[in-house]
Amino acid sequence: MGLVVTHKTGASGNIIIYDNNAASGNVLIEVDESVAGTFDVVFPGDGILYETGVHAALPANTSLTIFYQQG
C-alpha cells in the first residue's frame, strides 16, 4: 500500500491527506515535494487506517495515485 506522486514543475508544495471527506480533520500524511518528477511513498506493514474517508489536498500541477486495500 502506498502513493505514487507526479509533480510536473519545480515549485514546491505539500500534499496533505486527511482522514475525512473534506480538507479538514486529522492529517494522517503530509508529503513535501519540491522537484519535478515521479516518486513512490510505500507504507510498511498494514499501512495507514482511514476511519472516516480519504481527502487529498494537492498543489498545482501535481497528481496522486493511492493504492489501498479495502478491509
Protein backbone atom coordinates (compact mmCIF):
# COMPACT_ATOMS: atom_id res chain seq x y z
CA MET A 1 0.00 0.00 0.00
CA GLY A 2 1.22 3.48 -0.74
CA LEU A 3 1.20 6.50 -3.02
CA VAL A 4 2.59 7.49 -6.40
CA VAL A 5 3.13 11.24 -6.77
CA THR A 6 3.77 13.04 -10.07
CA HIS A 7 4.83 16.67 -9.91
CA LYS A 8 5.23 18.50 -13.23
CA THR A 9 7.03 21.67 -12.12
CA GLY A 10 9.88 22.58 -9.79
CA ALA A 11 7.68 24.69 -7.48
CA SER A 12 7.43 23.23 -4.02
CA GLY A 13 4.31 22.37 -2.08
CA ASN A 14 2.80 19.89 0.32
CA ILE A 15 0.44 17.02 -0.33
CA ILE A 16 -1.84 16.69 2.68
CA ILE A 17 -4.06 13.64 3.14
CA TYR A 18 -6.87 13.86 5.66
CA ASP A 19 -8.92 11.16 7.40
CA ASN A 20 -12.10 12.91 6.30
CA ASN A 21 -14.28 13.66 3.28
CA ALA A 22 -13.05 17.29 3.10
CA ALA A 23 -9.86 19.29 3.67
CA SER A 24 -10.22 19.33 7.45
CA GLY A 25 -9.89 16.96 10.37
CA ASN A 26 -7.00 14.65 11.19
CA VAL A 27 -3.94 14.92 8.94
CA LEU A 28 -2.56 11.39 8.52
CA ILE A 29 0.06 12.05 5.84
CA GLU A 30 1.93 15.16 4.74
CA VAL A 31 4.44 14.83 1.90
CA ASP A 32 6.70 17.70 0.84
CA GLU A 33 7.52 17.68 -2.84
CA SER A 34 9.89 20.22 -4.33
CA VAL A 35 11.29 18.83 -7.58
CA ALA A 36 9.62 17.79 -10.81
CA GLY A 37 9.26 14.05 -11.31
CA THR A 38 7.52 10.94 -10.05
CA PHE A 39 8.19 9.20 -6.75
CA ASP A 40 6.66 6.48 -4.58
CA VAL A 41 5.73 6.55 -0.92
CA VAL A 42 5.43 3.00 0.47
CA PHE A 43 3.75 2.31 3.82
CA PRO A 44 5.18 -0.63 5.75
CA GLY A 45 3.12 -3.29 7.49
CA ASP A 46 -0.63 -2.81 7.38
CA GLY A 47 -0.37 0.75 6.08
CA ILE A 48 -2.49 3.62 7.40
CA LEU A 49 -6.07 3.28 8.66
CA TYR A 50 -8.61 5.82 7.39
CA GLU A 51 -11.73 5.58 9.53
CA THR A 52 -13.86 8.40 8.06
CA GLY A 53 -12.74 8.79 4.45
CA VAL A 54 -9.79 9.99 2.38
CA HIS A 55 -9.33 13.54 1.13
CA ALA A 56 -6.14 14.77 -0.54
CA ALA A 57 -5.18 18.45 -0.88
CA LEU A 58 -2.67 18.81 -3.76
CA PRO A 59 -0.53 21.68 -5.03
CA ALA A 60 -0.97 22.82 -8.64
CA ASN A 61 0.46 20.57 -11.37
CA THR A 62 0.51 17.54 -9.07
CA SER A 63 -1.28 14.22 -9.43
CA LEU A 64 -1.65 11.46 -6.88
CA THR A 65 -2.49 7.76 -7.13
CA ILE A 66 -3.41 5.98 -3.91
CA PHE A 67 -3.12 2.20 -3.65
CA TYR A 68 -5.25 0.69 -0.93
CA GLN A 69 -6.78 -2.50 0.38
CA GLN A 70 -10.39 -2.38 1.46
CA GLY A 71 -10.72 -4.02 4.79
